[in-house]
N, C-alpha and C. Protein backbone atom coordinates (compact mmCIF):
# COMPACT_ATOMS: atom_id res chain seq x y z
N MET A 1 48.91 162.27 67.02
CA MET A 1 47.51 162.34 66.63
C MET A 1 46.66 162.67 67.86
N ALA A 2 45.63 163.44 67.61
CA ALA A 2 44.72 163.84 68.68
C ALA A 2 43.28 163.63 68.21
N LYS A 3 42.38 163.59 69.17
CA LYS A 3 40.96 163.46 68.83
C LYS A 3 40.39 164.82 68.46
N ALA A 4 39.32 164.80 67.70
CA ALA A 4 38.67 166.05 67.28
C ALA A 4 38.19 166.85 68.48
N SER A 5 37.89 166.17 69.59
CA SER A 5 37.41 166.86 70.79
C SER A 5 38.52 167.68 71.45
N GLU A 6 39.79 167.44 71.08
CA GLU A 6 40.92 168.16 71.67
C GLU A 6 41.32 169.40 70.87
N ILE A 7 40.66 169.66 69.74
CA ILE A 7 40.98 170.80 68.89
C ILE A 7 40.54 172.10 69.57
N LYS A 8 41.40 173.10 69.55
CA LYS A 8 41.10 174.41 70.10
C LYS A 8 41.31 175.47 69.02
N VAL A 9 40.63 176.60 69.16
CA VAL A 9 40.81 177.72 68.24
C VAL A 9 42.26 178.18 68.32
N GLY A 10 42.89 178.37 67.16
CA GLY A 10 44.28 178.79 67.11
C GLY A 10 45.25 177.66 66.81
N ASN A 11 44.81 176.39 66.98
CA ASN A 11 45.67 175.25 66.65
C ASN A 11 45.97 175.23 65.16
N ILE A 12 47.13 174.70 64.81
CA ILE A 12 47.50 174.47 63.41
C ILE A 12 47.40 172.97 63.18
N LEU A 13 46.60 172.58 62.18
CA LEU A 13 46.38 171.17 61.88
C LEU A 13 46.85 170.85 60.47
N ARG A 14 47.14 169.57 60.24
CA ARG A 14 47.34 169.07 58.89
C ARG A 14 46.03 168.36 58.55
N PHE A 15 45.24 169.00 57.67
CA PHE A 15 43.91 168.50 57.33
C PHE A 15 43.85 168.31 55.82
N ASN A 16 43.58 167.10 55.37
CA ASN A 16 43.57 166.76 53.94
C ASN A 16 44.87 167.15 53.25
N GLY A 17 45.99 166.97 53.95
CA GLY A 17 47.30 167.25 53.37
C GLY A 17 47.70 168.72 53.36
N GLU A 18 46.87 169.59 53.88
CA GLU A 18 47.15 171.04 53.90
C GLU A 18 47.27 171.52 55.33
N LEU A 19 48.08 172.57 55.55
CA LEU A 19 48.15 173.19 56.86
C LEU A 19 47.02 174.18 57.01
N VAL A 20 46.25 174.05 58.09
CA VAL A 20 45.12 174.93 58.34
C VAL A 20 45.18 175.44 59.77
N SER A 21 44.63 176.62 59.96
CA SER A 21 44.51 177.22 61.28
C SER A 21 43.05 177.11 61.71
N VAL A 22 42.80 176.69 62.94
CA VAL A 22 41.43 176.52 63.43
C VAL A 22 40.89 177.89 63.82
N THR A 23 39.77 178.31 63.20
CA THR A 23 39.18 179.61 63.51
C THR A 23 37.90 179.51 64.32
N GLU A 24 37.23 178.36 64.27
CA GLU A 24 35.98 178.20 65.01
C GLU A 24 35.73 176.73 65.31
N VAL A 25 35.29 176.44 66.53
CA VAL A 25 34.96 175.06 66.93
C VAL A 25 33.57 175.08 67.56
N LEU A 26 32.63 174.34 66.97
CA LEU A 26 31.27 174.24 67.50
C LEU A 26 30.95 172.78 67.80
N HIS A 27 30.48 172.50 69.01
CA HIS A 27 30.08 171.15 69.39
C HIS A 27 28.57 171.03 69.20
N ARG A 28 28.13 170.04 68.47
CA ARG A 28 26.70 169.83 68.21
C ARG A 28 26.26 168.47 68.74
N THR A 29 25.11 168.45 69.38
CA THR A 29 24.51 167.21 69.85
C THR A 29 23.08 167.16 69.32
N PRO A 30 22.88 166.53 68.18
CA PRO A 30 21.54 166.47 67.60
C PRO A 30 20.64 165.50 68.40
N GLY A 31 19.35 165.59 68.16
CA GLY A 31 18.40 164.69 68.83
C GLY A 31 18.63 163.24 68.47
N LYS A 32 18.94 163.00 67.22
CA LYS A 32 19.23 161.65 66.75
C LYS A 32 20.69 161.56 66.39
N GLY A 33 21.30 160.42 66.59
CA GLY A 33 22.69 160.23 66.19
C GLY A 33 23.66 160.73 67.24
N GLY A 34 24.94 160.57 66.96
CA GLY A 34 25.97 160.95 67.91
C GLY A 34 26.37 162.41 67.78
N ALA A 35 27.08 162.89 68.78
CA ALA A 35 27.57 164.27 68.79
C ALA A 35 28.69 164.40 67.75
N PHE A 36 28.88 165.62 67.30
CA PHE A 36 29.95 165.90 66.33
C PHE A 36 30.44 167.32 66.50
N TYR A 37 31.55 167.63 65.86
CA TYR A 37 32.11 168.98 65.87
C TYR A 37 31.99 169.57 64.48
N LEU A 38 31.55 170.82 64.43
CA LEU A 38 31.49 171.57 63.18
C LEU A 38 32.57 172.64 63.30
N ASP A 39 33.67 172.45 62.58
CA ASP A 39 34.84 173.33 62.71
C ASP A 39 35.04 174.14 61.44
N LYS A 40 35.64 175.33 61.61
CA LYS A 40 36.05 176.16 60.48
C LYS A 40 37.56 176.27 60.50
N PHE A 41 38.18 176.00 59.35
CA PHE A 41 39.62 176.06 59.19
C PHE A 41 39.97 177.08 58.13
N ARG A 42 41.08 177.81 58.33
CA ARG A 42 41.60 178.73 57.31
C ARG A 42 42.90 178.15 56.80
N ASN A 43 42.94 177.90 55.48
CA ASN A 43 44.14 177.36 54.86
C ASN A 43 45.25 178.41 54.99
N ILE A 44 46.40 178.00 55.49
CA ILE A 44 47.48 178.95 55.76
C ILE A 44 48.08 179.51 54.48
N LYS A 45 48.20 178.70 53.44
CA LYS A 45 48.82 179.19 52.20
C LYS A 45 47.85 179.99 51.34
N THR A 46 46.61 179.51 51.19
CA THR A 46 45.68 180.17 50.29
C THR A 46 44.75 181.15 50.99
N GLY A 47 44.54 180.99 52.30
CA GLY A 47 43.63 181.85 53.03
C GLY A 47 42.17 181.44 52.91
N ARG A 48 41.90 180.37 52.15
CA ARG A 48 40.53 179.91 51.94
C ARG A 48 39.97 179.29 53.22
N VAL A 49 38.71 179.56 53.53
CA VAL A 49 38.06 179.02 54.72
C VAL A 49 37.30 177.76 54.33
N VAL A 50 37.49 176.71 55.14
CA VAL A 50 36.85 175.42 54.88
C VAL A 50 36.11 175.00 56.14
N GLU A 51 34.90 174.46 55.97
CA GLU A 51 34.16 173.90 57.09
C GLU A 51 34.28 172.40 57.06
N ALA A 52 34.39 171.78 58.24
CA ALA A 52 34.51 170.33 58.32
C ALA A 52 33.64 169.82 59.46
N ARG A 53 33.04 168.67 59.23
CA ARG A 53 32.23 168.00 60.25
C ARG A 53 33.04 166.79 60.71
N LEU A 54 33.41 166.80 61.98
CA LEU A 54 34.26 165.75 62.53
C LEU A 54 33.54 165.02 63.66
N ALA A 55 33.65 163.69 63.66
CA ALA A 55 33.12 162.90 64.78
C ALA A 55 33.98 163.18 66.01
N THR A 56 33.44 163.02 67.20
CA THR A 56 34.17 163.36 68.43
C THR A 56 35.43 162.54 68.62
N ASP A 57 35.46 161.32 68.12
CA ASP A 57 36.63 160.48 68.29
C ASP A 57 37.50 160.39 67.03
N GLU A 58 37.22 161.22 66.02
CA GLU A 58 38.00 161.22 64.78
C GLU A 58 39.40 161.75 65.06
N GLN A 59 40.42 161.13 64.44
CA GLN A 59 41.81 161.50 64.66
C GLN A 59 42.23 162.64 63.73
N VAL A 60 42.93 163.64 64.30
CA VAL A 60 43.48 164.75 63.53
C VAL A 60 44.93 164.95 63.94
N GLU A 61 45.71 165.55 63.06
CA GLU A 61 47.12 165.80 63.36
C GLU A 61 47.32 167.27 63.72
N ILE A 62 47.64 167.52 64.99
CA ILE A 62 47.95 168.87 65.44
C ILE A 62 49.44 169.09 65.24
N CYS A 63 49.80 170.11 64.47
CA CYS A 63 51.20 170.38 64.13
C CYS A 63 51.86 171.23 65.20
N ARG A 64 53.13 171.00 65.38
CA ARG A 64 53.91 171.80 66.32
C ARG A 64 54.49 172.98 65.56
N VAL A 65 54.09 174.16 65.93
CA VAL A 65 54.53 175.37 65.25
C VAL A 65 55.32 176.22 66.23
N GLU A 66 56.51 176.63 65.80
CA GLU A 66 57.35 177.51 66.62
C GLU A 66 57.33 178.91 66.03
N THR A 67 56.98 179.88 66.86
CA THR A 67 56.92 181.27 66.43
C THR A 67 57.95 182.06 67.21
N ASN A 68 58.83 182.77 66.50
CA ASN A 68 59.89 183.55 67.14
C ASN A 68 60.06 184.90 66.46
N ASP A 69 60.77 185.78 67.17
CA ASP A 69 61.18 187.07 66.59
C ASP A 69 62.46 186.86 65.80
N PHE A 70 62.52 187.46 64.64
CA PHE A 70 63.70 187.39 63.80
C PHE A 70 64.05 188.81 63.36
N GLN A 71 65.27 188.97 62.86
CA GLN A 71 65.68 190.27 62.33
C GLN A 71 65.72 190.16 60.81
N TYR A 72 65.03 191.09 60.15
CA TYR A 72 65.04 191.13 58.69
C TYR A 72 66.38 191.70 58.24
N LEU A 73 67.09 190.96 57.37
CA LEU A 73 68.40 191.42 56.90
C LEU A 73 68.33 192.11 55.55
N TYR A 74 67.82 191.38 54.52
CA TYR A 74 67.73 191.97 53.19
C TYR A 74 66.85 191.11 52.30
N ALA A 75 66.45 191.69 51.16
CA ALA A 75 65.65 190.97 50.16
C ALA A 75 66.58 190.41 49.11
N GLU A 76 66.25 189.21 48.63
CA GLU A 76 67.05 188.55 47.61
C GLU A 76 66.09 187.89 46.63
N GLY A 77 65.72 188.62 45.56
CA GLY A 77 64.76 188.09 44.60
C GLY A 77 63.38 187.97 45.22
N ASP A 78 62.79 186.78 45.17
CA ASP A 78 61.47 186.53 45.75
C ASP A 78 61.56 186.10 47.21
N TYR A 79 62.73 186.19 47.78
CA TYR A 79 62.92 185.74 49.16
C TYR A 79 63.41 186.87 50.05
N MET A 80 63.15 186.72 51.34
CA MET A 80 63.64 187.63 52.36
C MET A 80 64.61 186.83 53.22
N VAL A 81 65.74 187.41 53.54
CA VAL A 81 66.70 186.75 54.42
C VAL A 81 66.49 187.31 55.82
N ILE A 82 66.23 186.38 56.77
CA ILE A 82 66.03 186.77 58.16
C ILE A 82 67.04 186.04 59.02
N MET A 83 67.29 186.59 60.22
CA MET A 83 68.27 185.99 61.12
C MET A 83 67.65 185.78 62.49
N ASP A 84 67.89 184.59 63.06
CA ASP A 84 67.46 184.29 64.42
C ASP A 84 68.36 185.09 65.36
N ASN A 85 67.78 185.86 66.27
CA ASN A 85 68.55 186.73 67.14
C ASN A 85 69.33 185.99 68.22
N THR A 86 68.97 184.73 68.51
CA THR A 86 69.67 183.99 69.55
C THR A 86 70.76 183.08 68.98
N THR A 87 70.49 182.40 67.86
CA THR A 87 71.47 181.46 67.30
C THR A 87 72.23 182.04 66.11
N TYR A 88 71.79 183.17 65.59
CA TYR A 88 72.38 183.84 64.42
C TYR A 88 72.26 183.01 63.15
N ASP A 89 71.35 182.03 63.14
CA ASP A 89 71.07 181.25 61.92
C ASP A 89 70.28 182.13 60.96
N GLN A 90 70.60 182.00 59.66
CA GLN A 90 69.87 182.77 58.66
C GLN A 90 68.95 181.84 57.87
N HIS A 91 67.77 182.36 57.51
CA HIS A 91 66.77 181.60 56.77
C HIS A 91 66.29 182.42 55.59
N ASN A 92 66.04 181.77 54.47
CA ASN A 92 65.38 182.41 53.33
C ASN A 92 63.91 182.04 53.38
N ILE A 93 63.04 183.05 53.41
CA ILE A 93 61.61 182.78 53.39
C ILE A 93 60.97 183.56 52.25
N ALA A 94 59.88 183.04 51.75
CA ALA A 94 59.21 183.67 50.60
C ALA A 94 58.62 185.03 50.99
N LYS A 95 58.78 186.01 50.10
CA LYS A 95 58.20 187.35 50.32
C LYS A 95 56.69 187.27 50.47
N SER A 96 56.08 186.32 49.75
CA SER A 96 54.63 186.21 49.75
C SER A 96 54.05 185.94 51.13
N LEU A 97 54.85 185.38 52.06
CA LEU A 97 54.35 185.12 53.41
C LEU A 97 54.04 186.42 54.15
N PHE A 98 54.75 187.49 53.82
CA PHE A 98 54.50 188.79 54.45
C PHE A 98 53.32 189.52 53.83
N GLY A 99 52.92 189.12 52.63
CA GLY A 99 51.82 189.79 51.94
C GLY A 99 52.23 191.20 51.52
N PRO A 100 51.27 192.12 51.45
CA PRO A 100 51.57 193.47 50.99
C PRO A 100 52.47 194.27 51.95
N SER A 101 52.57 193.86 53.19
CA SER A 101 53.40 194.60 54.15
C SER A 101 54.89 194.41 53.90
N ALA A 102 55.29 193.47 53.02
CA ALA A 102 56.71 193.22 52.73
C ALA A 102 57.39 194.45 52.16
N ARG A 103 56.67 195.28 51.44
CA ARG A 103 57.29 196.46 50.82
C ARG A 103 57.72 197.51 51.84
N PHE A 104 57.21 197.43 53.06
CA PHE A 104 57.55 198.42 54.10
C PHE A 104 58.74 198.00 54.96
N LEU A 105 59.26 196.79 54.76
CA LEU A 105 60.35 196.31 55.61
C LEU A 105 61.65 197.05 55.34
N LYS A 106 62.37 197.38 56.42
CA LYS A 106 63.68 198.00 56.33
C LYS A 106 64.69 197.06 56.98
N GLU A 107 65.92 197.12 56.50
CA GLU A 107 66.97 196.27 57.06
C GLU A 107 67.11 196.51 58.56
N GLY A 108 67.25 195.41 59.31
CA GLY A 108 67.41 195.51 60.76
C GLY A 108 66.11 195.48 61.53
N MET A 109 64.97 195.48 60.83
CA MET A 109 63.66 195.51 61.47
C MET A 109 63.33 194.15 62.07
N SER A 110 62.58 194.14 63.15
CA SER A 110 62.17 192.90 63.81
C SER A 110 60.87 192.39 63.18
N VAL A 111 60.84 191.09 62.85
CA VAL A 111 59.65 190.46 62.26
C VAL A 111 59.33 189.18 63.03
N ILE A 112 58.11 188.69 62.89
CA ILE A 112 57.69 187.45 63.55
C ILE A 112 57.46 186.40 62.47
N VAL A 113 58.09 185.23 62.63
CA VAL A 113 57.96 184.15 61.65
C VAL A 113 57.64 182.85 62.39
N SER A 114 56.70 182.07 61.82
CA SER A 114 56.32 180.78 62.38
C SER A 114 56.83 179.67 61.48
N PHE A 115 57.44 178.67 62.10
CA PHE A 115 57.99 177.51 61.38
C PHE A 115 57.27 176.25 61.82
N GLU A 116 57.00 175.37 60.86
CA GLU A 116 56.47 174.03 61.14
C GLU A 116 57.43 173.06 60.47
N SER A 117 58.16 172.30 61.27
CA SER A 117 59.18 171.35 60.81
C SER A 117 60.09 171.96 59.73
N GLU A 118 60.80 173.01 60.12
CA GLU A 118 61.81 173.68 59.29
C GLU A 118 61.25 174.42 58.08
N GLU A 119 59.94 174.52 57.94
CA GLU A 119 59.34 175.26 56.83
C GLU A 119 58.61 176.48 57.37
N ALA A 120 58.93 177.65 56.83
CA ALA A 120 58.25 178.87 57.25
C ALA A 120 56.82 178.83 56.70
N ILE A 121 55.85 179.00 57.59
CA ILE A 121 54.44 178.92 57.16
C ILE A 121 53.70 180.25 57.31
N MET A 122 54.17 181.10 58.23
CA MET A 122 53.52 182.40 58.43
C MET A 122 54.59 183.43 58.78
N ALA A 123 54.39 184.67 58.33
CA ALA A 123 55.31 185.76 58.65
C ALA A 123 54.50 187.03 58.85
N GLN A 124 54.96 187.86 59.78
CA GLN A 124 54.24 189.09 60.08
C GLN A 124 55.23 190.23 60.29
N ALA A 125 55.01 191.29 59.56
CA ALA A 125 55.80 192.51 59.73
C ALA A 125 55.20 193.30 60.90
N PRO A 126 55.94 194.25 61.45
CA PRO A 126 55.36 195.10 62.49
C PRO A 126 54.14 195.85 61.92
N ASN A 127 53.17 196.16 62.77
CA ASN A 127 51.97 196.86 62.31
C ASN A 127 52.26 198.29 61.87
N PHE A 128 53.26 198.92 62.49
CA PHE A 128 53.61 200.31 62.16
C PHE A 128 55.11 200.42 61.96
N VAL A 129 55.52 201.19 60.97
CA VAL A 129 56.94 201.46 60.72
C VAL A 129 57.15 202.96 60.59
N GLU A 130 58.37 203.39 60.94
CA GLU A 130 58.74 204.79 60.77
C GLU A 130 59.61 204.91 59.54
N LEU A 131 59.20 205.76 58.61
CA LEU A 131 59.93 205.95 57.36
C LEU A 131 60.19 207.43 57.14
N GLU A 132 61.31 207.73 56.48
CA GLU A 132 61.65 209.12 56.17
C GLU A 132 61.09 209.48 54.80
N ILE A 133 60.58 210.68 54.69
CA ILE A 133 60.05 211.18 53.42
C ILE A 133 61.23 211.71 52.60
N THR A 134 61.46 211.14 51.42
CA THR A 134 62.57 211.59 50.57
C THR A 134 62.11 212.60 49.53
N TYR A 135 60.82 212.58 49.20
CA TYR A 135 60.29 213.57 48.27
C TYR A 135 58.83 213.85 48.63
N ALA A 136 58.49 215.12 48.70
CA ALA A 136 57.10 215.53 48.93
C ALA A 136 56.82 216.75 48.08
N GLU A 137 55.71 216.73 47.39
CA GLU A 137 55.32 217.89 46.59
C GLU A 137 55.08 219.06 47.52
N PRO A 138 55.45 220.25 47.11
CA PRO A 138 55.17 221.40 47.97
C PRO A 138 53.67 221.66 48.06
N ALA A 139 53.24 222.10 49.24
CA ALA A 139 51.82 222.40 49.43
C ALA A 139 51.49 223.70 48.71
N VAL A 140 50.31 223.76 48.11
CA VAL A 140 49.87 224.95 47.40
C VAL A 140 49.20 225.89 48.39
N LYS A 141 49.65 227.14 48.40
CA LYS A 141 49.08 228.11 49.33
C LYS A 141 47.60 228.31 49.03
N GLY A 142 46.80 228.25 50.08
CA GLY A 142 45.36 228.40 49.92
C GLY A 142 44.64 227.07 49.80
N ASP A 143 45.39 225.98 49.63
CA ASP A 143 44.76 224.66 49.53
C ASP A 143 44.70 224.08 50.94
N THR A 144 43.85 224.66 51.78
CA THR A 144 43.81 224.27 53.18
C THR A 144 42.49 223.66 53.59
N SER A 145 41.79 223.08 52.65
CA SER A 145 40.53 222.43 53.02
C SER A 145 40.85 221.26 53.94
N SER A 146 39.94 220.94 54.82
CA SER A 146 40.21 219.88 55.79
C SER A 146 40.41 218.54 55.09
N GLY A 147 41.39 217.81 55.56
CA GLY A 147 41.65 216.48 55.01
C GLY A 147 42.39 216.48 53.69
N ALA A 148 42.98 217.60 53.29
CA ALA A 148 43.70 217.65 52.02
C ALA A 148 44.97 216.81 52.13
N LEU A 149 45.24 216.01 51.11
CA LEU A 149 46.40 215.14 51.09
C LEU A 149 47.24 215.39 49.85
N LYS A 150 48.52 215.05 49.95
CA LYS A 150 49.42 215.12 48.80
C LYS A 150 50.22 213.83 48.74
N THR A 151 50.85 213.58 47.61
CA THR A 151 51.64 212.37 47.44
C THR A 151 53.07 212.61 47.90
N ALA A 152 53.62 211.63 48.64
CA ALA A 152 55.00 211.72 49.09
C ALA A 152 55.67 210.36 48.87
N THR A 153 56.99 210.39 48.69
CA THR A 153 57.76 209.16 48.48
C THR A 153 58.60 208.90 49.72
N THR A 154 58.58 207.65 50.21
CA THR A 154 59.35 207.28 51.40
C THR A 154 60.74 206.81 51.02
N GLU A 155 61.57 206.58 52.02
CA GLU A 155 62.97 206.18 51.79
C GLU A 155 63.11 204.86 51.05
N ASN A 156 62.09 204.00 51.08
CA ASN A 156 62.17 202.75 50.33
C ASN A 156 61.36 202.80 49.03
N GLY A 157 61.05 204.01 48.56
CA GLY A 157 60.45 204.19 47.24
C GLY A 157 58.95 204.02 47.15
N ILE A 158 58.26 203.94 48.26
CA ILE A 158 56.82 203.75 48.25
C ILE A 158 56.13 205.12 48.28
N GLU A 159 55.12 205.28 47.43
CA GLU A 159 54.35 206.52 47.43
C GLU A 159 53.15 206.36 48.34
N ILE A 160 52.97 207.32 49.25
CA ILE A 160 51.83 207.32 50.16
C ILE A 160 51.21 208.71 50.16
N LYS A 161 49.99 208.78 50.61
CA LYS A 161 49.28 210.06 50.76
C LYS A 161 49.53 210.58 52.18
N VAL A 162 49.96 211.84 52.26
CA VAL A 162 50.25 212.47 53.55
C VAL A 162 49.55 213.83 53.61
N PRO A 163 49.34 214.37 54.82
CA PRO A 163 48.76 215.71 54.93
C PRO A 163 49.71 216.77 54.36
N LEU A 164 49.18 217.95 54.07
CA LEU A 164 49.94 219.02 53.43
C LEU A 164 51.12 219.51 54.25
N PHE A 165 51.08 219.38 55.58
CA PHE A 165 52.16 219.91 56.42
C PHE A 165 53.40 219.01 56.45
N VAL A 166 53.34 217.80 55.89
CA VAL A 166 54.50 216.90 55.87
C VAL A 166 55.43 217.33 54.75
N ASN A 167 56.72 217.47 55.08
CA ASN A 167 57.72 217.93 54.11
C ASN A 167 58.82 216.90 53.92
N GLN A 168 59.64 217.14 52.91
CA GLN A 168 60.80 216.29 52.65
C GLN A 168 61.71 216.30 53.88
N GLY A 169 62.20 215.11 54.30
CA GLY A 169 63.06 215.00 55.47
C GLY A 169 62.33 214.64 56.75
N ASP A 170 61.01 214.78 56.76
CA ASP A 170 60.22 214.40 57.94
C ASP A 170 60.16 212.89 58.07
N LYS A 171 60.03 212.40 59.30
CA LYS A 171 59.79 210.98 59.55
C LYS A 171 58.30 210.81 59.84
N VAL A 172 57.71 209.78 59.24
CA VAL A 172 56.29 209.52 59.43
C VAL A 172 56.07 208.08 59.85
N LYS A 173 54.98 207.85 60.56
CA LYS A 173 54.59 206.50 60.94
C LYS A 173 53.55 206.03 59.93
N VAL A 174 53.76 204.80 59.39
CA VAL A 174 52.89 204.24 58.36
C VAL A 174 52.34 202.90 58.86
N ASP A 175 51.05 202.67 58.64
CA ASP A 175 50.42 201.39 58.97
C ASP A 175 50.74 200.40 57.85
N THR A 176 51.46 199.31 58.17
CA THR A 176 51.88 198.35 57.14
C THR A 176 50.72 197.50 56.63
N ARG A 177 49.64 197.42 57.37
CA ARG A 177 48.49 196.61 56.92
C ARG A 177 47.69 197.32 55.84
N THR A 178 47.60 198.66 55.93
CA THR A 178 46.79 199.42 54.97
C THR A 178 47.65 200.30 54.06
N GLY A 179 48.88 200.59 54.47
CA GLY A 179 49.75 201.48 53.68
C GLY A 179 49.40 202.94 53.86
N GLU A 180 48.68 203.29 54.94
CA GLU A 180 48.24 204.66 55.15
C GLU A 180 49.12 205.38 56.17
N TYR A 181 49.22 206.68 55.97
CA TYR A 181 49.91 207.56 56.89
C TYR A 181 49.17 207.56 58.23
N VAL A 182 49.94 207.53 59.35
CA VAL A 182 49.32 207.56 60.68
C VAL A 182 49.61 208.89 61.36
N GLU A 183 50.91 209.23 61.47
CA GLU A 183 51.29 210.49 62.13
C GLU A 183 52.72 210.85 61.77
N ARG A 184 53.05 212.11 62.03
CA ARG A 184 54.42 212.58 61.85
C ARG A 184 55.17 212.28 63.14
N VAL A 185 56.42 211.81 63.02
CA VAL A 185 57.23 211.44 64.20
C VAL A 185 58.26 212.53 64.42
N LYS A 186 58.41 212.93 65.64
CA LYS A 186 59.39 213.98 65.98
C LYS A 186 60.78 213.40 66.09
């Protein structure tokens, strides 16, 4: 247990039975009464932001979170199987922890996962991935207006919008946060 005065931005706390990440800490000293902290927490599971007013000596539980690089092995239903690169231990974690970027994961890819007492609480895919285009509609001659895009299918079955010069067999870099084409890779 720690005092509210020891809370820092980025700490993971157990607050009202939920795991929250500290996003903002403000110390207030009003003219009347004692000083207090006005903190903002983001619920790790739901993403909801909560504000809390804590006395300076109020006790809070700061959780010990371990964050490591893991190797993504394969998907199994609603779970992703990952492997610790140092101990070779395998873990099943929920796909939902990766959010929409889970669809861009390829076997063997490096991912970051945070654990709090043997439970995966956060997961992050790489910001950019390289994928091969397996199908791309042919560009129409004369359709050369600036910014023209066409639909293409990647090796893992995802349809993305790419510029007209991208063809089947090309490798492209895709932003996993937005799902948008970034550049063609040589």
